Amino acid sequence: MFYVSLGGQAKTLMFVHISPEADALGETLSTLKFAERVSTVELGAARVNKDSSDVKELKEQVLALTFFYHDTFKLNVQCVLSFFVKSYLSDC
């Protein structure tokens, strides 16, 4: 999760909250184990993520299809509601 945000000259600080309460022992141990695992992580140099022209084109297609299906769904819902309203009014 953090890998894409960190690297290179980035500095990281992690706060963990532990409790002296006996009933929180399991959570405290879990938190300490997680903090220990995180402290051993080494990240490589930061790099810039650049989209190729193919990726940009695919993103544009996804956006266009999203709008198309959104509009189609909205139209279908309006048609169904219109049908039920008309059939309800004709039954009265």
Protein backbone atom coordinates (compact mmCIF):
# COMPACT_ATOMS: atom_id res chain seq x y z
CA MET A 1 0.00 0.00 0.00
CA PHE A 2 2.75 2.45 0.92
CA TYR A 3 5.17 1.23 -1.74
CA VAL A 4 3.93 3.61 -4.44
CA SER A 5 4.17 6.60 -2.10
CA LEU A 6 7.57 6.04 -0.61
CA GLY A 7 11.09 5.56 -1.86
CA GLY A 8 14.15 7.49 -2.78
CA GLN A 9 14.79 10.22 -0.22
CA ALA A 10 11.43 9.83 1.55
CA LYS A 11 11.47 9.69 5.33
CA THR A 12 8.89 7.62 7.15
CA LEU A 13 7.62 7.87 10.70
CA MET A 14 5.19 5.40 12.19
CA PHE A 15 3.30 5.85 15.43
CA VAL A 16 1.88 2.82 17.20
CA HIS A 17 -0.46 2.91 20.13
CA ILE A 18 -0.05 0.27 22.81
CA SER A 19 -2.13 -0.15 25.92
CA PRO A 20 -1.09 -1.17 29.42
CA GLU A 21 -4.50 -2.76 29.98
CA ALA A 22 -4.50 -6.56 30.35
CA ASP A 23 -7.57 -6.98 28.14
CA ALA A 24 -5.73 -5.21 25.26
CA LEU A 25 -2.71 -7.54 25.35
CA GLY A 26 -3.60 -9.31 22.10
CA GLU A 27 -4.06 -6.04 20.20
CA THR A 28 -0.86 -4.60 21.67
CA LEU A 29 1.19 -7.66 20.65
CA SER A 30 -0.31 -7.59 17.17
CA THR A 31 0.54 -3.89 16.83
CA LEU A 32 4.13 -4.44 17.99
CA LYS A 33 4.61 -7.35 15.57
CA PHE A 34 3.30 -5.22 12.73
CA ALA A 35 5.62 -2.34 13.66
CA GLU A 36 8.56 -4.75 13.75
CA ARG A 37 7.71 -6.07 10.27
CA VAL A 38 7.33 -2.55 8.90
CA SER A 39 10.70 -1.50 10.29
CA THR A 40 12.44 -4.16 8.17
CA VAL A 41 10.95 -2.99 4.86
CA GLU A 42 13.43 -1.47 2.42
CA LEU A 43 12.16 0.54 -0.52
CA GLY A 44 14.03 1.15 -3.73
CA ALA A 45 14.59 4.44 -5.47
CA ALA A 46 11.55 6.48 -6.38
CA ARG A 47 10.48 6.40 -10.00
CA VAL A 48 7.99 8.38 -12.01
CA ASN A 49 4.96 6.50 -13.29
CA LYS A 50 4.31 7.65 -16.83
CA ASP A 51 1.38 6.38 -18.83
CA SER A 52 2.13 5.23 -22.33
CA SER A 53 -0.10 6.37 -25.15
CA ASP A 54 -1.80 2.96 -25.11
CA VAL A 55 -2.67 3.30 -21.43
CA LYS A 56 -3.99 6.82 -21.95
CA GLU A 57 -6.14 5.63 -24.85
CA LEU A 58 -7.54 2.76 -22.77
CA LYS A 59 -8.32 5.12 -19.89
CA GLU A 60 -10.22 7.38 -22.30
CA GLN A 61 -12.18 4.37 -23.60
CA VAL A 62 -13.06 3.30 -20.06
CA LEU A 63 -14.26 6.81 -19.26
CA ALA A 64 -16.38 6.96 -22.42
CA LEU A 65 -17.92 3.54 -21.72
CA THR A 66 -18.62 4.52 -18.12
CA PHE A 67 -20.59 7.56 -19.28
CA PHE A 68 -22.36 5.49 -21.96
CA TYR A 69 -23.49 2.79 -19.53
CA HIS A 70 -24.44 5.35 -16.89
CA ASP A 71 -26.67 7.19 -19.38
CA THR A 72 -28.10 3.90 -20.71
CA PHE A 73 -28.92 2.68 -17.21
CA LYS A 74 -30.56 5.99 -16.34
CA LEU A 75 -32.65 5.83 -19.53
CA ASN A 76 -33.69 2.22 -18.79
CA VAL A 77 -34.76 3.12 -15.25
CA GLN A 78 -36.82 6.02 -16.60
CA CYS A 79 -38.50 3.71 -19.15
CA VAL A 80 -39.33 1.10 -16.51
CA LEU A 81 -40.72 3.71 -14.13
CA SER A 82 -42.74 5.26 -16.93
CA PHE A 83 -44.18 1.83 -17.83
CA PHE A 84 -45.22 1.13 -14.22
CA VAL A 85 -46.75 4.57 -13.80
CA LYS A 86 -48.73 4.21 -17.04
CA SER A 87 -49.93 0.71 -16.13
CA TYR A 88 -50.86 1.85 -12.62
CA LEU A 89 -52.85 4.81 -13.97
CA SER A 90 -54.66 2.64 -16.50
CA ASP A 91 -55.72 0.25 -13.73
CA CYS A 92 -57.39 3.05 -11.73
